Amino acid sequence: AAQIGTVLVANSTDKLGTVVVDGQG
């Protein structure tokens, strides 16, 4: 919601550790 454009977010998961997701998760 912060910006219109491409979003890359580090996300912690139980199965794979920290992976990258887009702005929609």
mmCIF file of all heavy atoms, coordinates in Angstrom:
data_MODEL
# 
_entry.id   MODEL 
# 
loop_
_atom_site.group_PDB 
_atom_site.id 
_atom_site.type_symbol 
_atom_site.label_atom_id 
_atom_site.label_alt_id 
_atom_site.label_comp_id 
_atom_site.label_asym_id 
_atom_site.label_entity_id 
_atom_site.label_seq_id 
_atom_site.pdbx_PDB_ins_code 
_atom_site.Cartn_x 
_atom_site.Cartn_y 
_atom_site.Cartn_z 
_atom_site.occupancy 
_atom_site.B_iso_or_equiv 
_atom_site.pdbx_formal_charge 
_atom_site.auth_seq_id 
_atom_site.auth_comp_id 
_atom_site.auth_asym_id 
_atom_site.auth_atom_id 
_atom_site.pdbx_PDB_model_num 
ATOM 1   N N   . ALA A 1 1  ? 0.812  -1.206  0.000  1.00 0.00 ? 1  ALA A N   1 
ATOM 2   C CA  . ALA A 1 1  ? 0.000  0.000   0.000  1.00 0.00 ? 1  ALA A CA  1 
ATOM 3   C C   . ALA A 1 1  ? 0.853  1.266   0.000  1.00 0.00 ? 1  ALA A C   1 
ATOM 4   O O   . ALA A 1 1  ? 0.375  2.339   -0.334 1.00 0.00 ? 1  ALA A O   1 
ATOM 5   C CB  . ALA A 1 1  ? -0.914 0.001   1.223  1.00 0.00 ? 1  ALA A CB  1 
ATOM 6   N N   . ALA A 1 2  ? 2.143  1.125   0.352  1.00 0.00 ? 2  ALA A N   1 
ATOM 7   C CA  . ALA A 1 2  ? 2.988  2.304   0.488  1.00 0.00 ? 2  ALA A CA  1 
ATOM 8   C C   . ALA A 1 2  ? 3.294  2.946   -0.854 1.00 0.00 ? 2  ALA A C   1 
ATOM 9   O O   . ALA A 1 2  ? 3.383  4.159   -0.956 1.00 0.00 ? 2  ALA A O   1 
ATOM 10  C CB  . ALA A 1 2  ? 4.292  1.929   1.198  1.00 0.00 ? 2  ALA A CB  1 
ATOM 11  N N   . GLN A 1 3  ? 3.487  2.135   -1.884 1.00 0.00 ? 3  GLN A N   1 
ATOM 12  C CA  . GLN A 1 3  ? 3.843  2.659   -3.193 1.00 0.00 ? 3  GLN A CA  1 
ATOM 13  C C   . GLN A 1 3  ? 3.189  1.804   -4.264 1.00 0.00 ? 3  GLN A C   1 
ATOM 14  O O   . GLN A 1 3  ? 2.934  0.627   -4.075 1.00 0.00 ? 3  GLN A O   1 
ATOM 15  C CB  . GLN A 1 3  ? 5.363  2.632   -3.390 1.00 0.00 ? 3  GLN A CB  1 
ATOM 16  C CG  . GLN A 1 3  ? 6.146  3.589   -2.519 1.00 0.00 ? 3  GLN A CG  1 
ATOM 17  C CD  . GLN A 1 3  ? 6.026  5.025   -2.984 1.00 0.00 ? 3  GLN A CD  1 
ATOM 18  O OE1 . GLN A 1 3  ? 5.605  5.278   -4.109 1.00 0.00 ? 3  GLN A OE1 1 
ATOM 19  N NE2 . GLN A 1 3  ? 6.376  5.958   -2.132 1.00 0.00 ? 3  GLN A NE2 1 
ATOM 20  N N   . ILE A 1 4  ? 2.934  2.411   -5.399 1.00 0.00 ? 4  ILE A N   1 
ATOM 21  C CA  . ILE A 1 4  ? 2.488  1.640   -6.555 1.00 0.00 ? 4  ILE A CA  1 
ATOM 22  C C   . ILE A 1 4  ? 3.749  1.278   -7.331 1.00 0.00 ? 4  ILE A C   1 
ATOM 23  O O   . ILE A 1 4  ? 4.495  2.143   -7.761 1.00 0.00 ? 4  ILE A O   1 
ATOM 24  C CB  . ILE A 1 4  ? 1.522  2.468   -7.427 1.00 0.00 ? 4  ILE A CB  1 
ATOM 25  C CG1 . ILE A 1 4  ? 0.268  2.820   -6.640 1.00 0.00 ? 4  ILE A CG1 1 
ATOM 26  C CG2 . ILE A 1 4  ? 1.164  1.709   -8.697 1.00 0.00 ? 4  ILE A CG2 1 
ATOM 27  C CD1 . ILE A 1 4  ? -0.668 3.740   -7.360 1.00 0.00 ? 4  ILE A CD1 1 
ATOM 28  N N   . GLY A 1 5  ? 3.994  0.021   -7.519 1.00 0.00 ? 5  GLY A N   1 
ATOM 29  C CA  . GLY A 1 5  ? 5.203  -0.427  -8.199 1.00 0.00 ? 5  GLY A CA  1 
ATOM 30  C C   . GLY A 1 5  ? 5.545  -1.822  -7.728 1.00 0.00 ? 5  GLY A C   1 
ATOM 31  O O   . GLY A 1 5  ? 4.739  -2.517  -7.132 1.00 0.00 ? 5  GLY A O   1 
ATOM 32  N N   . THR A 1 6  ? 6.764  -2.248  -7.996 1.00 0.00 ? 6  THR A N   1 
ATOM 33  C CA  . THR A 1 6  ? 7.211  -3.578  -7.616 1.00 0.00 ? 6  THR A CA  1 
ATOM 34  C C   . THR A 1 6  ? 7.661  -3.590  -6.165 1.00 0.00 ? 6  THR A C   1 
ATOM 35  O O   . THR A 1 6  ? 8.315  -2.664  -5.704 1.00 0.00 ? 6  THR A O   1 
ATOM 36  C CB  . THR A 1 6  ? 8.362  -4.020  -8.525 1.00 0.00 ? 6  THR A CB  1 
ATOM 37  O OG1 . THR A 1 6  ? 7.936  -3.912  -9.889 1.00 0.00 ? 6  THR A OG1 1 
ATOM 38  C CG2 . THR A 1 6  ? 8.754  -5.460  -8.253 1.00 0.00 ? 6  THR A CG2 1 
ATOM 39  N N   . VAL A 1 7  ? 7.299  -4.652  -5.453 1.00 0.00 ? 7  VAL A N   1 
ATOM 40  C CA  . VAL A 1 7  ? 7.599  -4.755  -4.027 1.00 0.00 ? 7  VAL A CA  1 
ATOM 41  C C   . VAL A 1 7  ? 8.291  -6.088  -3.753 1.00 0.00 ? 7  VAL A C   1 
ATOM 42  O O   . VAL A 1 7  ? 7.854  -7.132  -4.218 1.00 0.00 ? 7  VAL A O   1 
ATOM 43  C CB  . VAL A 1 7  ? 6.305  -4.664  -3.183 1.00 0.00 ? 7  VAL A CB  1 
ATOM 44  C CG1 . VAL A 1 7  ? 6.617  -4.817  -1.702 1.00 0.00 ? 7  VAL A CG1 1 
ATOM 45  C CG2 . VAL A 1 7  ? 5.574  -3.361  -3.443 1.00 0.00 ? 7  VAL A CG2 1 
ATOM 46  N N   . LEU A 1 8  ? 9.401  -6.049  -3.006 1.00 0.00 ? 8  LEU A N   1 
ATOM 47  C CA  . LEU A 1 8  ? 10.100 -7.251  -2.553 1.00 0.00 ? 8  LEU A CA  1 
ATOM 48  C C   . LEU A 1 8  ? 10.164 -7.201  -1.033 1.00 0.00 ? 8  LEU A C   1 
ATOM 49  O O   . LEU A 1 8  ? 10.652 -6.217  -0.467 1.00 0.00 ? 8  LEU A O   1 
ATOM 50  C CB  . LEU A 1 8  ? 11.514 -7.315  -3.122 1.00 0.00 ? 8  LEU A CB  1 
ATOM 51  C CG  . LEU A 1 8  ? 11.670 -7.329  -4.643 1.00 0.00 ? 8  LEU A CG  1 
ATOM 52  C CD1 . LEU A 1 8  ? 13.150 -7.317  -5.013 1.00 0.00 ? 8  LEU A CD1 1 
ATOM 53  C CD2 . LEU A 1 8  ? 10.981 -8.535  -5.252 1.00 0.00 ? 8  LEU A CD2 1 
ATOM 54  N N   . VAL A 1 9  ? 9.686  -8.249  -0.371 1.00 0.00 ? 9  VAL A N   1 
ATOM 55  C CA  . VAL A 1 9  ? 9.624  -8.283  1.082  1.00 0.00 ? 9  VAL A CA  1 
ATOM 56  C C   . VAL A 1 9  ? 10.210 -9.597  1.590  1.00 0.00 ? 9  VAL A C   1 
ATOM 57  O O   . VAL A 1 9  ? 9.870  -10.672 1.086  1.00 0.00 ? 9  VAL A O   1 
ATOM 58  C CB  . VAL A 1 9  ? 8.166  -8.161  1.590  1.00 0.00 ? 9  VAL A CB  1 
ATOM 59  C CG1 . VAL A 1 9  ? 8.113  -8.162  3.107  1.00 0.00 ? 9  VAL A CG1 1 
ATOM 60  C CG2 . VAL A 1 9  ? 7.503  -6.906  1.043  1.00 0.00 ? 9  VAL A CG2 1 
ATOM 61  N N   . ALA A 1 10 ? 11.099 -9.529  2.579  1.00 0.00 ? 10 ALA A N   1 
ATOM 62  C CA  . ALA A 1 10 ? 11.599 -10.747 3.220  1.00 0.00 ? 10 ALA A CA  1 
ATOM 63  C C   . ALA A 1 10 ? 10.520 -11.274 4.148  1.00 0.00 ? 10 ALA A C   1 
ATOM 64  O O   . ALA A 1 10 ? 9.952  -10.529 4.944  1.00 0.00 ? 10 ALA A O   1 
ATOM 65  C CB  . ALA A 1 10 ? 12.876 -10.441 4.004  1.00 0.00 ? 10 ALA A CB  1 
ATOM 66  N N   . ASN A 1 11 ? 10.222 -12.560 4.051  1.00 0.00 ? 11 ASN A N   1 
ATOM 67  C CA  . ASN A 1 11 ? 9.143  -13.159 4.827  1.00 0.00 ? 11 ASN A CA  1 
ATOM 68  C C   . ASN A 1 11 ? 9.633  -14.446 5.484  1.00 0.00 ? 11 ASN A C   1 
ATOM 69  O O   . ASN A 1 11 ? 10.205 -15.306 4.827  1.00 0.00 ? 11 ASN A O   1 
ATOM 70  C CB  . ASN A 1 11 ? 7.943  -13.466 3.915  1.00 0.00 ? 11 ASN A CB  1 
ATOM 71  C CG  . ASN A 1 11 ? 6.773  -14.022 4.679  1.00 0.00 ? 11 ASN A CG  1 
ATOM 72  O OD1 . ASN A 1 11 ? 6.290  -13.413 5.618  1.00 0.00 ? 11 ASN A OD1 1 
ATOM 73  N ND2 . ASN A 1 11 ? 6.296  -15.184 4.275  1.00 0.00 ? 11 ASN A ND2 1 
ATOM 74  N N   . SER A 1 12 ? 9.409  -14.582 6.782  1.00 0.00 ? 12 SER A N   1 
ATOM 75  C CA  . SER A 1 12 ? 9.834  -15.772 7.510  1.00 0.00 ? 12 SER A CA  1 
ATOM 76  C C   . SER A 1 12 ? 8.773  -16.864 7.410  1.00 0.00 ? 12 SER A C   1 
ATOM 77  O O   . SER A 1 12 ? 7.592  -16.605 7.630  1.00 0.00 ? 12 SER A O   1 
ATOM 78  C CB  . SER A 1 12 ? 10.084 -15.415 8.982  1.00 0.00 ? 12 SER A CB  1 
ATOM 79  O OG  . SER A 1 12 ? 10.491 -16.558 9.704  1.00 0.00 ? 12 SER A OG  1 
ATOM 80  N N   . THR A 1 13 ? 9.201  -18.084 7.034  1.00 0.00 ? 13 THR A N   1 
ATOM 81  C CA  . THR A 1 13 ? 8.283  -19.212 6.927  1.00 0.00 ? 13 THR A CA  1 
ATOM 82  C C   . THR A 1 13 ? 8.739  -20.344 7.833  1.00 0.00 ? 13 THR A C   1 
ATOM 83  O O   . THR A 1 13 ? 9.922  -20.449 8.163  1.00 0.00 ? 13 THR A O   1 
ATOM 84  C CB  . THR A 1 13 ? 8.217  -19.744 5.484  1.00 0.00 ? 13 THR A CB  1 
ATOM 85  O OG1 . THR A 1 13 ? 9.463  -20.368 5.157  1.00 0.00 ? 13 THR A OG1 1 
ATOM 86  C CG2 . THR A 1 13 ? 7.937  -18.623 4.492  1.00 0.00 ? 13 THR A CG2 1 
ATOM 87  N N   . ASP A 1 14 ? 7.806  -21.190 8.236  1.00 0.00 ? 14 ASP A N   1 
ATOM 88  C CA  . ASP A 1 14 ? 8.134  -22.342 9.075  1.00 0.00 ? 14 ASP A CA  1 
ATOM 89  C C   . ASP A 1 14 ? 8.921  -23.392 8.289  1.00 0.00 ? 14 ASP A C   1 
ATOM 90  O O   . ASP A 1 14 ? 9.848  -24.004 8.808  1.00 0.00 ? 14 ASP A O   1 
ATOM 91  C CB  . ASP A 1 14 ? 6.867  -22.982 9.635  1.00 0.00 ? 14 ASP A CB  1 
ATOM 92  C CG  . ASP A 1 14 ? 6.178  -22.101 10.662 1.00 0.00 ? 14 ASP A CG  1 
ATOM 93  O OD1 . ASP A 1 14 ? 6.861  -21.248 11.267 1.00 0.00 ? 14 ASP A OD1 1 
ATOM 94  O OD2 . ASP A 1 14 ? 4.960  -22.239 10.845 1.00 0.00 ? 14 ASP A OD2 1 
ATOM 95  N N   . LYS A 1 15 ? 8.555  -23.594 7.024  1.00 0.00 ? 15 LYS A N   1 
ATOM 96  C CA  . LYS A 1 15 ? 9.145  -24.680 6.241  1.00 0.00 ? 15 LYS A CA  1 
ATOM 97  C C   . LYS A 1 15 ? 10.483 -24.329 5.610  1.00 0.00 ? 15 LYS A C   1 
ATOM 98  O O   . LYS A 1 15 ? 11.366 -25.170 5.512  1.00 0.00 ? 15 LYS A O   1 
ATOM 99  C CB  . LYS A 1 15 ? 8.174  -25.111 5.135  1.00 0.00 ? 15 LYS A CB  1 
ATOM 100 C CG  . LYS A 1 15 ? 6.925  -25.806 5.634  1.00 0.00 ? 15 LYS A CG  1 
ATOM 101 C CD  . LYS A 1 15 ? 6.074  -26.263 4.472  1.00 0.00 ? 15 LYS A CD  1 
ATOM 102 C CE  . LYS A 1 15 ? 4.835  -27.003 4.947  1.00 0.00 ? 15 LYS A CE  1 
ATOM 103 N NZ  . LYS A 1 15 ? 3.989  -27.453 3.828  1.00 0.00 ? 15 LYS A NZ  1 
ATOM 104 N N   . LEU A 1 16 ? 10.618 -23.072 5.153  1.00 0.00 ? 16 LEU A N   1 
ATOM 105 C CA  . LEU A 1 16 ? 11.776 -22.729 4.327  1.00 0.00 ? 16 LEU A CA  1 
ATOM 106 C C   . LEU A 1 16 ? 12.650 -21.629 4.899  1.00 0.00 ? 16 LEU A C   1 
ATOM 107 O O   . LEU A 1 16 ? 13.584 -21.185 4.232  1.00 0.00 ? 16 LEU A O   1 
ATOM 108 C CB  . LEU A 1 16 ? 11.296 -22.315 2.922  1.00 0.00 ? 16 LEU A CB  1 
ATOM 109 C CG  . LEU A 1 16 ? 10.495 -23.363 2.145  1.00 0.00 ? 16 LEU A CG  1 
ATOM 110 C CD1 . LEU A 1 16 ? 10.026 -22.789 0.817  1.00 0.00 ? 16 LEU A CD1 1 
ATOM 111 C CD2 . LEU A 1 16 ? 11.321 -24.614 1.923  1.00 0.00 ? 16 LEU A CD2 1 
ATOM 112 N N   . GLY A 1 17 ? 12.374 -21.181 6.101  1.00 0.00 ? 17 GLY A N   1 
ATOM 113 C CA  . GLY A 1 17 ? 13.140 -20.062 6.638  1.00 0.00 ? 17 GLY A CA  1 
ATOM 114 C C   . GLY A 1 17 ? 12.716 -18.765 5.982  1.00 0.00 ? 17 GLY A C   1 
ATOM 115 O O   . GLY A 1 17 ? 11.555 -18.596 5.608  1.00 0.00 ? 17 GLY A O   1 
ATOM 116 N N   . THR A 1 18 ? 13.639 -17.828 5.799  1.00 0.00 ? 18 THR A N   1 
ATOM 117 C CA  . THR A 1 18 ? 13.304 -16.531 5.230  1.00 0.00 ? 18 THR A CA  1 
ATOM 118 C C   . THR A 1 18 ? 13.394 -16.569 3.709  1.00 0.00 ? 18 THR A C   1 
ATOM 119 O O   . THR A 1 18 ? 14.428 -16.914 3.147  1.00 0.00 ? 18 THR A O   1 
ATOM 120 C CB  . THR A 1 18 ? 14.235 -15.434 5.773  1.00 0.00 ? 18 THR A CB  1 
ATOM 121 O OG1 . THR A 1 18 ? 14.104 -15.392 7.199  1.00 0.00 ? 18 THR A OG1 1 
ATOM 122 C CG2 . THR A 1 18 ? 13.868 -14.074 5.198  1.00 0.00 ? 18 THR A CG2 1 
ATOM 123 N N   . VAL A 1 19 ? 12.296 -16.227 3.065  1.00 0.00 ? 19 VAL A N   1 
ATOM 124 C CA  . VAL A 1 19 ? 12.232 -16.167 1.605  1.00 0.00 ? 19 VAL A CA  1 
ATOM 125 C C   . VAL A 1 19 ? 11.688 -14.799 1.209  1.00 0.00 ? 19 VAL A C   1 
ATOM 126 O O   . VAL A 1 19 ? 11.229 -14.033 2.044  1.00 0.00 ? 19 VAL A O   1 
ATOM 127 C CB  . VAL A 1 19 ? 11.342 -17.290 1.035  1.00 0.00 ? 19 VAL A CB  1 
ATOM 128 C CG1 . VAL A 1 19 ? 11.876 -18.666 1.434  1.00 0.00 ? 19 VAL A CG1 1 
ATOM 129 C CG2 . VAL A 1 19 ? 9.891  -17.125 1.487  1.00 0.00 ? 19 VAL A CG2 1 
ATOM 130 N N   . VAL A 1 20 ? 11.739 -14.508 -0.078 1.00 0.00 ? 20 VAL A N   1 
ATOM 131 C CA  . VAL A 1 20 ? 11.250 -13.221 -0.574 1.00 0.00 ? 20 VAL A CA  1 
ATOM 132 C C   . VAL A 1 20 ? 9.868  -13.402 -1.188 1.00 0.00 ? 20 VAL A C   1 
ATOM 133 O O   . VAL A 1 20 ? 9.614  -14.362 -1.926 1.00 0.00 ? 20 VAL A O   1 
ATOM 134 C CB  . VAL A 1 20 ? 12.220 -12.634 -1.614 1.00 0.00 ? 20 VAL A CB  1 
ATOM 135 C CG1 . VAL A 1 20 ? 11.695 -11.296 -2.152 1.00 0.00 ? 20 VAL A CG1 1 
ATOM 136 C CG2 . VAL A 1 20 ? 13.604 -12.436 -0.993 1.00 0.00 ? 20 VAL A CG2 1 
ATOM 137 N N   . VAL A 1 21 ? 8.981  -12.466 -0.857 1.00 0.00 ? 21 VAL A N   1 
ATOM 138 C CA  . VAL A 1 21 ? 7.632  -12.460 -1.424 1.00 0.00 ? 21 VAL A CA  1 
ATOM 139 C C   . VAL A 1 21 ? 7.395  -11.109 -2.100 1.00 0.00 ? 21 VAL A C   1 
ATOM 140 O O   . VAL A 1 21 ? 8.136  -10.150 -1.886 1.00 0.00 ? 21 VAL A O   1 
ATOM 141 C CB  . VAL A 1 21 ? 6.559  -12.718 -0.348 1.00 0.00 ? 21 VAL A CB  1 
ATOM 142 C CG1 . VAL A 1 21 ? 6.764  -14.081 0.313  1.00 0.00 ? 21 VAL A CG1 1 
ATOM 143 C CG2 . VAL A 1 21 ? 6.549  -11.611 0.710  1.00 0.00 ? 21 VAL A CG2 1 
ATOM 144 N N   . ASP A 1 22 ? 6.335  -11.051 -2.916 1.00 0.00 ? 22 ASP A N   1 
ATOM 145 C CA  . ASP A 1 22 ? 5.997  -9.780  -3.549 1.00 0.00 ? 22 ASP A CA  1 
ATOM 146 C C   . ASP A 1 22 ? 5.035  -8.997  -2.653 1.00 0.00 ? 22 ASP A C   1 
ATOM 147 O O   . ASP A 1 22 ? 4.777  -9.383  -1.514 1.00 0.00 ? 22 ASP A O   1 
ATOM 148 C CB  . ASP A 1 22 ? 5.423  -10.014 -4.955 1.00 0.00 ? 22 ASP A CB  1 
ATOM 149 C CG  . ASP A 1 22 ? 4.087  -10.745 -4.948 1.00 0.00 ? 22 ASP A CG  1 
ATOM 150 O OD1 . ASP A 1 22 ? 3.467  -10.912 -3.867 1.00 0.00 ? 22 ASP A OD1 1 
ATOM 151 O OD2 . ASP A 1 22 ? 3.639  -11.165 -6.040 1.00 0.00 ? 22 ASP A OD2 1 
ATOM 152 N N   . GLY A 1 23 ? 4.527  -7.898  -3.160 1.00 0.00 ? 23 GLY A N   1 
ATOM 153 C CA  . GLY A 1 23 ? 3.674  -7.034  -2.357 1.00 0.00 ? 23 GLY A CA  1 
ATOM 154 C C   . GLY A 1 23 ? 2.360  -7.652  -1.931 1.00 0.00 ? 23 GLY A C   1 
ATOM 155 O O   . GLY A 1 23 ? 1.731  -7.188  -0.984 1.00 0.00 ? 23 GLY A O   1 
ATOM 156 N N   . GLN A 1 24 ? 1.932  -8.721  -2.605 1.00 0.00 ? 24 GLN A N   1 
ATOM 157 C CA  . GLN A 1 24 ? 0.711  -9.426  -2.212 1.00 0.00 ? 24 GLN A CA  1 
ATOM 158 C C   . GLN A 1 24 ? 1.005  -10.646 -1.347 1.00 0.00 ? 24 GLN A C   1 
ATOM 159 O O   . GLN A 1 24 ? 0.098  -11.358 -0.957 1.00 0.00 ? 24 GLN A O   1 
ATOM 160 C CB  . GLN A 1 24 ? -0.072 -9.859  -3.462 1.00 0.00 ? 24 GLN A CB  1 
ATOM 161 C CG  . GLN A 1 24 ? -0.750 -8.709  -4.202 1.00 0.00 ? 24 GLN A CG  1 
ATOM 162 C CD  . GLN A 1 24 ? 0.239  -7.834  -4.935 1.00 0.00 ? 24 GLN A CD  1 
ATOM 163 O OE1 . GLN A 1 24 ? 1.092  -8.346  -5.676 1.00 0.00 ? 24 GLN A OE1 1 
ATOM 164 N NE2 . GLN A 1 24 ? 0.141  -6.541  -4.758 1.00 0.00 ? 24 GLN A NE2 1 
ATOM 165 N N   . GLY A 1 25 ? 2.286  -10.875 -1.059 1.00 0.00 ? 25 GLY A N   1 
ATOM 166 C CA  . GLY A 1 25 ? 2.648  -11.996 -0.200 1.00 0.00 ? 25 GLY A CA  1 
ATOM 167 C C   . GLY A 1 25 ? 2.934  -13.285 -0.931 1.00 0.00 ? 25 GLY A C   1 
ATOM 168 O O   . GLY A 1 25 ? 3.134  -14.329 -0.301 1.00 0.00 ? 25 GLY A O   1 
# 
